[in-house]
Amino acid sequence: MSKKLYIAATGQNCGKTTMSVSLMHLARKKYSKVGFIKPIGPKIEMFGDRMVDMDAVLMAKAYGLEEDIHLMSPVALHKNFTKDFLAGKIRQEELELSVVSAVRELEKKYDFLIIEGAGHAGVGSIIGLNNARVAHLLEAPVVIVAGSGIGSVVDSLRLNMALFEKEKADVRLAVINKVRYDKRNQIIDLVRLAFADSGLKITGGFNYSPILANPTLGHISRLFGLPLRAKPKERSRIIHDIQLGAASSQRVVDSLLEDTLVVVTGSRDELLVTISSLYHIPEYQEKIAGLIITGRNPVSEISQKIVEDSGIPYIRILETTADVYTALSEDVAKITVEDVEKLNWIKDHAEKEIDFDAIDSIL
């Protein structure tokens, strides 16, 4: 029987998947066989001819677990899943059996099994399988990941803990994630004081980093569902600044920061030519990550040729510059296997910032 760990969170974007990736990396240094499962998958994609959760795909590809993909996402919530469930076409008992059976199979194969939940404790309630209930069904000790802060973290942990306690799930540790480096010890100590009478252990996760928070060129391509004209290695380049190409060409150039994505309408020939020409210069290649060329008006033939000959990564999109900028501003980048730079960063910093022995000891 393997050790197993259920990774939950107080909400979206707390860094739960990042924690799963880091724990997989660290566990493989201690255990010879480490597996992964995402029992309830609300965000699906195709893996061959199979619908599976995108985090299961990430872990399968990143850690060579493709042969287990049929077990790693037993309940994938396709578009009409909840409607079919409420209409009685899908039974809760069947879903529970699928989840439990998949975990039991993986337990036979692995020494250490990482079970990743979906969102906050209540996600999945509509099908009778919220995170708290799944953790109880699987008899898996729970580590709950929370965002940074003090009051907001304590509030969200208390709120989520109520459902875990109701479902009799065994929550043993809370990880305070995305912590400001200069306030790390202070924040963790204060949250520990808030839970001193509860028996819940508190530890720190990753320090906040824009590397994880910001999107890659590949992510932006997937966000809009449009091709990125770039070399394969450029897909994982991380965007640290987005600039609207609305000012004069000189002003746009003067405002470039490191890893800037320039969003510019296709009628701005002089700016397209300027940015593309500067991309040949190493100093500016560090600043210019790529272009998003917007609008329905066609780019002039000569400008298009200069853009393509420069080798600058670009995406052509027919939406307006304002619509594109709004979409980019509201988006939250999820890690995929193409985000090589982010995955390498996670593995490297996990060894410095995550105390795996402390987590392992609670099991």
Protein backbone atom coordinates (compact mmCIF):
# COMPACT_ATOMS: atom_id res chain seq x y z
CA MET A 1 0.00 0.00 0.00
CA SER A 2 1.47 3.35 -1.02
CA LYS A 3 1.63 6.60 0.88
CA LYS A 4 -0.89 9.06 -0.53
CA LEU A 5 -1.50 12.77 -0.21
CA TYR A 6 -4.57 14.80 -1.20
CA ILE A 7 -3.68 18.33 -2.31
CA ALA A 8 -6.59 20.71 -1.83
CA ALA A 9 -6.84 24.50 -1.97
CA THR A 10 -8.87 27.36 -0.53
CA GLY A 11 -9.77 28.53 -4.05
CA GLN A 12 -8.59 28.96 -7.61
CA ASN A 13 -5.13 30.30 -8.42
CA CYS A 14 -3.60 29.50 -5.03
CA GLY A 15 -0.84 27.48 -6.69
CA LYS A 16 -2.23 23.98 -6.18
CA THR A 17 -0.95 22.63 -9.50
CA THR A 18 2.43 24.26 -8.91
CA MET A 19 2.52 22.47 -5.56
CA SER A 20 1.64 19.16 -7.24
CA VAL A 21 4.46 19.59 -9.76
CA SER A 22 6.95 20.46 -7.02
CA LEU A 23 5.90 17.58 -4.76
CA MET A 24 6.13 15.15 -7.67
CA HIS A 25 9.69 16.36 -8.30
CA LEU A 26 10.69 16.14 -4.63
CA ALA A 27 8.96 12.82 -3.95
CA ARG A 28 10.80 11.19 -6.86
CA LYS A 29 14.06 11.98 -5.09
CA LYS A 30 12.96 9.92 -2.10
CA TYR A 31 10.61 7.27 -3.53
CA SER A 32 11.33 5.05 -6.52
CA LYS A 33 7.77 5.10 -7.88
CA VAL A 34 5.56 8.20 -7.64
CA GLY A 35 2.12 8.46 -9.27
CA PHE A 36 -0.53 11.12 -9.81
CA ILE A 37 -4.31 11.35 -10.14
CA LYS A 38 -6.82 14.20 -10.57
CA PRO A 39 -10.07 12.45 -9.50
CA ILE A 40 -12.46 15.22 -10.61
CA GLY A 41 -11.36 17.08 -13.72
CA PRO A 42 -13.25 20.29 -14.49
CA LYS A 43 -10.88 21.53 -17.22
CA ILE A 44 -10.51 18.92 -19.90
CA GLU A 45 -8.59 18.39 -23.10
CA MET A 46 -8.08 15.49 -25.46
CA PHE A 47 -5.25 13.02 -24.89
CA GLY A 48 -5.41 10.82 -27.95
CA ASP A 49 -9.06 9.81 -28.11
CA ARG A 50 -9.63 10.23 -24.38
CA MET A 51 -11.09 13.26 -22.52
CA VAL A 52 -8.96 13.97 -19.45
CA ASP A 53 -8.22 16.85 -17.11
CA MET A 54 -5.49 19.20 -18.31
CA ASP A 55 -3.49 18.80 -15.08
CA ALA A 56 -3.43 15.04 -15.60
CA VAL A 57 -2.04 15.64 -19.09
CA LEU A 58 0.60 17.99 -17.67
CA MET A 59 1.79 15.46 -15.10
CA ALA A 60 1.65 12.53 -17.50
CA LYS A 61 3.81 14.29 -20.09
CA ALA A 62 6.14 16.05 -17.66
CA TYR A 63 6.92 12.91 -15.66
CA GLY A 64 6.51 10.10 -18.19
CA LEU A 65 3.25 8.71 -16.80
CA GLU A 66 1.39 8.41 -20.10
CA GLU A 67 0.68 4.71 -19.62
CA ASP A 68 -1.47 5.60 -16.58
CA ILE A 69 -3.55 8.30 -18.27
CA HIS A 70 -6.65 6.08 -18.24
CA LEU A 71 -6.44 6.09 -14.42
CA MET A 72 -5.20 9.65 -13.84
CA SER A 73 -8.49 11.41 -14.70
CA PRO A 74 -11.36 9.04 -13.87
CA VAL A 75 -14.10 11.72 -13.86
CA ALA A 76 -13.63 14.36 -16.55
CA LEU A 77 -16.44 16.92 -16.56
CA HIS A 78 -17.31 17.38 -20.23
CA LYS A 79 -19.60 20.17 -21.42
CA ASN A 80 -22.94 18.49 -20.61
CA PHE A 81 -21.74 16.43 -17.64
CA THR A 82 -23.65 18.26 -14.89
CA LYS A 83 -26.84 18.36 -16.99
CA ASP A 84 -26.61 14.62 -17.59
CA PHE A 85 -25.95 14.03 -13.89
CA LEU A 86 -28.93 16.09 -12.75
CA ALA A 87 -31.11 14.37 -15.36
CA GLY A 88 -30.21 11.00 -13.86
CA LYS A 89 -28.14 9.79 -16.83
CA ILE A 90 -25.02 9.56 -14.63
CA ARG A 91 -25.16 8.09 -11.13
CA GLN A 92 -23.10 9.27 -8.18
CA GLU A 93 -22.36 5.69 -7.14
CA GLU A 94 -20.77 5.01 -10.54
CA LEU A 95 -18.57 8.10 -10.23
CA GLU A 96 -17.46 7.14 -6.73
CA LEU A 97 -16.59 3.65 -7.93
CA SER A 98 -14.55 5.05 -10.83
CA VAL A 99 -12.55 7.31 -8.53
CA VAL A 100 -11.94 4.75 -5.81
CA SER A 101 -11.06 1.99 -8.31
CA ALA A 102 -8.54 4.22 -10.10
CA VAL A 103 -6.83 5.16 -6.84
CA ARG A 104 -6.70 1.54 -5.70
CA GLU A 105 -5.03 0.53 -8.97
CA LEU A 106 -2.45 3.30 -8.67
CA GLU A 107 -1.79 2.43 -5.02
CA LYS A 108 -0.72 -1.06 -6.12
CA LYS A 109 1.79 0.39 -8.55
CA TYR A 110 3.32 3.34 -6.69
CA ASP A 111 5.11 3.98 -3.40
CA PHE A 112 3.80 7.54 -3.21
CA LEU A 113 0.60 8.86 -4.80
CA ILE A 114 -0.26 12.53 -5.27
CA ILE A 115 -4.01 13.19 -5.49
CA GLU A 116 -4.87 16.69 -6.72
CA GLY A 117 -8.23 18.24 -5.94
CA ALA A 118 -10.08 20.85 -7.99
CA GLY A 119 -10.52 24.38 -6.65
CA HIS A 120 -11.91 24.99 -3.15
CA ALA A 121 -13.36 22.35 -0.82
CA GLY A 122 -16.86 22.59 -2.30
CA VAL A 123 -15.97 22.16 -5.98
CA GLY A 124 -17.72 19.06 -7.29
CA SER A 125 -20.71 19.36 -4.94
CA ILE A 126 -23.14 19.42 -7.86
CA ILE A 127 -22.23 15.80 -8.65
CA GLY A 128 -21.99 14.77 -4.99
CA LEU A 129 -18.20 14.60 -5.09
CA ASN A 130 -16.73 17.74 -3.64
CA ASN A 131 -13.06 17.76 -2.66
CA ALA A 132 -13.78 17.09 1.00
CA ARG A 133 -15.91 14.04 0.22
CA VAL A 134 -13.38 12.65 -2.27
CA ALA A 135 -10.57 12.99 0.29
CA HIS A 136 -12.72 11.09 2.82
CA LEU A 137 -13.63 8.37 0.32
CA LEU A 138 -9.98 7.82 -0.53
CA GLU A 139 -8.86 7.95 3.12
CA ALA A 140 -6.13 10.36 2.05
CA PRO A 141 -4.48 12.87 4.40
CA VAL A 142 -5.09 16.40 3.13
CA VAL A 143 -2.66 19.26 2.55
CA ILE A 144 -4.56 22.46 1.79
CA VAL A 145 -2.87 25.23 -0.21
CA ALA A 146 -3.80 28.84 0.54
CA GLY A 147 -2.77 32.12 -1.02
CA SER A 148 -0.66 34.67 0.80
CA GLY A 149 -1.84 37.11 3.42
CA ILE A 150 -2.97 36.88 7.02
CA GLY A 151 -6.63 37.77 7.57
CA SER A 152 -7.77 36.55 4.16
CA VAL A 153 -5.82 33.30 4.55
CA VAL A 154 -7.23 32.57 8.00
CA ASP A 155 -10.76 33.35 6.79
CA SER A 156 -10.50 31.13 3.71
CA LEU A 157 -8.90 28.29 5.64
CA ARG A 158 -11.62 28.38 8.31
CA LEU A 159 -14.33 28.42 5.64
CA ASN A 160 -12.87 25.45 3.77
CA MET A 161 -12.02 23.52 6.92
CA ALA A 162 -15.70 23.54 7.91
CA LEU A 163 -16.61 21.36 4.92
CA PHE A 164 -13.62 19.06 5.36
CA GLU A 165 -14.64 18.54 8.98
CA LYS A 166 -18.26 17.92 7.98
CA GLU A 167 -17.15 15.22 5.53
CA LYS A 168 -14.72 13.81 8.12
CA ALA A 169 -11.71 14.35 5.89
CA ASP A 170 -8.30 14.32 7.57
CA VAL A 171 -6.69 17.75 7.02
CA ARG A 172 -3.18 17.73 8.46
CA LEU A 173 -1.33 20.68 6.97
CA ALA A 174 -1.92 24.10 5.40
CA VAL A 175 0.65 25.56 3.00
CA ILE A 176 0.77 29.37 2.75
CA ASN A 177 1.77 29.96 -0.87
CA LYS A 178 2.90 32.93 -2.99
CA VAL A 179 4.45 34.55 0.06
CA ARG A 180 6.33 37.84 -0.14
CA TYR A 181 9.97 37.00 0.49
CA ASP A 182 10.52 39.91 2.88
CA LYS A 183 7.48 38.97 4.98
CA ARG A 184 7.61 35.19 4.72
CA ASN A 185 8.47 34.35 8.34
CA GLN A 186 6.15 37.01 9.76
CA ILE A 187 3.14 35.82 7.74
CA ILE A 188 3.66 32.14 8.50
CA ASP A 189 4.18 32.77 12.23
CA LEU A 190 1.01 34.86 12.50
CA VAL A 191 -1.13 32.27 10.69
CA ARG A 192 0.31 29.61 13.01
CA LEU A 193 -0.81 31.69 15.99
CA ALA A 194 -4.32 31.91 14.52
CA PHE A 195 -4.54 28.11 14.35
CA ALA A 196 -2.62 27.34 17.54
CA ASP A 197 -5.69 25.78 19.18
CA SER A 198 -6.77 23.70 16.17
CA GLY A 199 -3.96 21.20 15.75
CA LEU A 200 -3.58 22.24 12.09
CA LYS A 201 0.07 22.52 11.12
CA ILE A 202 1.16 25.50 9.01
CA THR A 203 4.14 25.73 6.67
CA GLY A 204 5.33 27.95 3.84
CA GLY A 205 5.13 27.26 0.13
CA PHE A 206 6.71 29.19 -2.71
CA ASN A 207 7.67 32.82 -2.48
CA TYR A 208 5.72 34.98 -4.92
CA SER A 209 7.31 35.07 -8.38
CA PRO A 210 6.15 36.82 -11.57
CA ILE A 211 7.74 33.94 -13.48
CA LEU A 212 4.86 31.70 -12.40
CA ALA A 213 2.18 34.39 -12.50
CA ASN A 214 2.87 35.67 -16.01
CA PRO A 215 1.88 33.95 -19.29
CA THR A 216 4.11 32.41 -21.91
CA LEU A 217 3.82 33.04 -25.64
CA GLY A 218 2.48 29.51 -26.02
CA HIS A 219 -0.21 30.16 -23.42
CA ILE A 220 -1.33 33.31 -25.23
CA SER A 221 -1.54 31.34 -28.47
CA ARG A 222 -3.77 28.76 -26.75
CA LEU A 223 -5.84 31.49 -25.08
CA PHE A 224 -6.90 32.91 -28.45
CA GLY A 225 -6.85 29.58 -30.28
CA LEU A 226 -4.57 31.01 -32.95
CA PRO A 227 -1.17 29.93 -34.29
CA LEU A 228 2.02 31.46 -32.94
CA ARG A 229 4.57 32.08 -35.69
CA ALA A 230 7.71 31.27 -33.74
CA LYS A 231 10.46 28.72 -33.20
CA PRO A 232 9.50 25.91 -30.78
CA LYS A 233 11.81 27.11 -28.00
CA GLU A 234 10.24 30.58 -28.09
CA ARG A 235 6.82 29.21 -27.11
CA SER A 236 7.91 28.92 -23.48
CA ARG A 237 9.24 32.49 -23.24
CA ILE A 238 7.54 34.26 -20.33
CA ILE A 239 5.88 37.64 -20.88
CA HIS A 240 6.68 40.11 -18.09
CA ASP A 241 5.16 43.22 -19.66
CA ILE A 242 2.39 43.96 -22.18
CA GLN A 243 2.47 47.25 -24.05
CA LEU A 244 -0.17 48.73 -26.29
CA GLY A 245 1.33 50.09 -29.49
CA ALA A 246 -0.78 53.25 -29.39
CA ALA A 247 1.92 55.90 -28.93
CA SER A 248 4.56 57.01 -31.43
CA SER A 249 7.09 54.41 -32.52
CA GLN A 250 9.87 56.17 -30.61
CA ARG A 251 7.83 56.29 -27.41
CA VAL A 252 6.92 52.61 -27.68
CA VAL A 253 10.59 51.71 -28.17
CA ASP A 254 11.68 53.89 -25.24
CA SER A 255 9.08 52.20 -23.01
CA LEU A 256 10.14 48.61 -23.74
CA LEU A 257 10.94 46.56 -20.65
CA GLU A 258 12.44 43.09 -20.49
CA ASP A 259 10.23 40.42 -22.15
CA THR A 260 7.62 42.84 -23.50
CA LEU A 261 4.76 41.72 -25.70
CA VAL A 262 3.67 44.54 -28.02
CA VAL A 263 0.00 44.62 -29.04
CA VAL A 264 -0.37 46.71 -32.20
CA THR A 265 -3.01 47.16 -34.87
CA GLY A 266 -2.10 45.93 -38.34
CA SER A 267 -2.42 49.41 -39.83
CA ARG A 268 0.56 50.73 -37.82
CA ASP A 269 3.12 49.92 -40.54
CA GLU A 270 5.85 52.16 -39.13
CA LEU A 271 5.64 50.53 -35.68
CA LEU A 272 5.53 47.00 -37.07
CA VAL A 273 8.62 47.73 -39.18
CA THR A 274 10.45 49.41 -36.29
CA ILE A 275 9.83 46.63 -33.75
CA SER A 276 10.64 43.90 -36.28
CA SER A 277 13.85 45.61 -37.33
CA LEU A 278 14.98 46.06 -33.72
CA TYR A 279 14.42 42.37 -33.09
CA HIS A 280 17.63 41.66 -35.01
CA ILE A 281 19.64 43.45 -32.29
CA PRO A 282 20.51 41.25 -29.25
CA GLU A 283 19.88 44.10 -26.79
CA TYR A 284 16.33 44.44 -28.08
CA GLN A 285 15.71 40.71 -28.41
CA GLU A 286 15.88 40.63 -24.60
CA LYS A 287 13.21 43.32 -24.44
CA ILE A 288 10.92 42.24 -27.29
CA ALA A 289 9.18 38.92 -26.65
CA GLY A 290 6.86 39.20 -29.64
CA LEU A 291 3.94 40.90 -31.35
CA ILE A 292 0.19 40.51 -31.40
CA ILE A 293 -1.03 42.12 -34.61
CA THR A 294 -4.71 43.06 -34.28
CA GLY A 295 -7.60 44.30 -36.41
CA ARG A 296 -9.38 43.31 -39.58
CA ASN A 297 -7.45 45.64 -41.89
CA PRO A 298 -4.79 43.68 -43.80
CA VAL A 299 -1.13 44.31 -43.04
CA SER A 300 0.65 45.84 -46.03
CA GLU A 301 2.64 43.41 -48.15
CA ILE A 302 6.03 45.00 -47.42
CA SER A 303 5.36 45.25 -43.66
CA GLN A 304 4.28 41.62 -43.55
CA LYS A 305 7.49 40.56 -45.29
CA ILE A 306 9.64 42.56 -42.85
CA VAL A 307 7.83 41.00 -39.88
CA GLU A 308 8.30 37.47 -41.23
CA ASP A 309 11.94 37.99 -42.29
CA SER A 310 12.84 39.32 -38.83
CA GLY A 311 11.92 36.03 -37.13
CA ILE A 312 10.01 37.88 -34.42
CA PRO A 313 7.32 35.70 -32.80
CA TYR A 314 3.85 36.97 -33.63
CA ILE A 315 0.16 36.15 -33.53
CA ARG A 316 -2.30 37.60 -36.03
CA ILE A 317 -5.75 38.19 -34.57
CA LEU A 318 -8.80 39.93 -36.05
CA GLU A 319 -10.13 41.32 -32.77
CA THR A 320 -9.51 44.93 -31.76
CA THR A 321 -6.49 45.95 -29.72
CA ALA A 322 -8.76 46.87 -26.80
CA ASP A 323 -10.47 43.45 -26.81
CA VAL A 324 -7.12 41.66 -26.95
CA TYR A 325 -5.66 43.71 -24.12
CA THR A 326 -8.76 43.09 -21.96
CA ALA A 327 -8.53 39.33 -22.56
CA LEU A 328 -4.85 39.32 -21.64
CA SER A 329 -5.45 41.40 -18.51
CA GLU A 330 -8.23 39.12 -17.23
CA ASP A 331 -6.51 35.83 -18.03
CA VAL A 332 -4.79 33.67 -15.43
CA ALA A 333 -2.03 31.53 -16.94
CA LYS A 334 -2.21 27.80 -16.17
CA ILE A 335 0.99 25.76 -16.43
CA THR A 336 1.25 23.29 -19.29
CA VAL A 337 3.98 20.88 -20.36
CA GLU A 338 5.08 23.38 -23.02
CA ASP A 339 6.06 25.88 -20.31
CA VAL A 340 9.56 24.46 -19.97
CA GLU A 341 11.01 27.56 -18.33
CA LYS A 342 8.30 27.56 -15.65
CA LEU A 343 8.59 23.83 -14.98
CA ASN A 344 12.35 24.09 -14.58
CA TRP A 345 11.89 27.06 -12.25
CA ILE A 346 9.42 25.09 -10.11
CA LYS A 347 11.73 22.11 -9.78
CA ASP A 348 14.73 24.27 -8.92
CA HIS A 349 12.93 26.43 -6.36
CA ALA A 350 11.03 23.50 -4.85
CA GLU A 351 14.32 22.18 -3.53
CA LYS A 352 15.00 25.53 -1.84
CA GLU A 353 11.57 26.62 -0.63
CA ILE A 354 9.47 23.46 -0.02
CA ASP A 355 10.21 21.29 3.00
CA PHE A 356 9.24 17.90 1.59
CA ASP A 357 10.42 16.02 4.67
CA ALA A 358 8.02 18.05 6.82
CA ILE A 359 5.15 17.24 4.45
CA ASP A 360 6.15 13.58 4.19
CA SER A 361 6.36 13.28 7.97
CA ILE A 362 2.66 14.10 8.45
CA LEU A 363 1.73 10.98 6.45
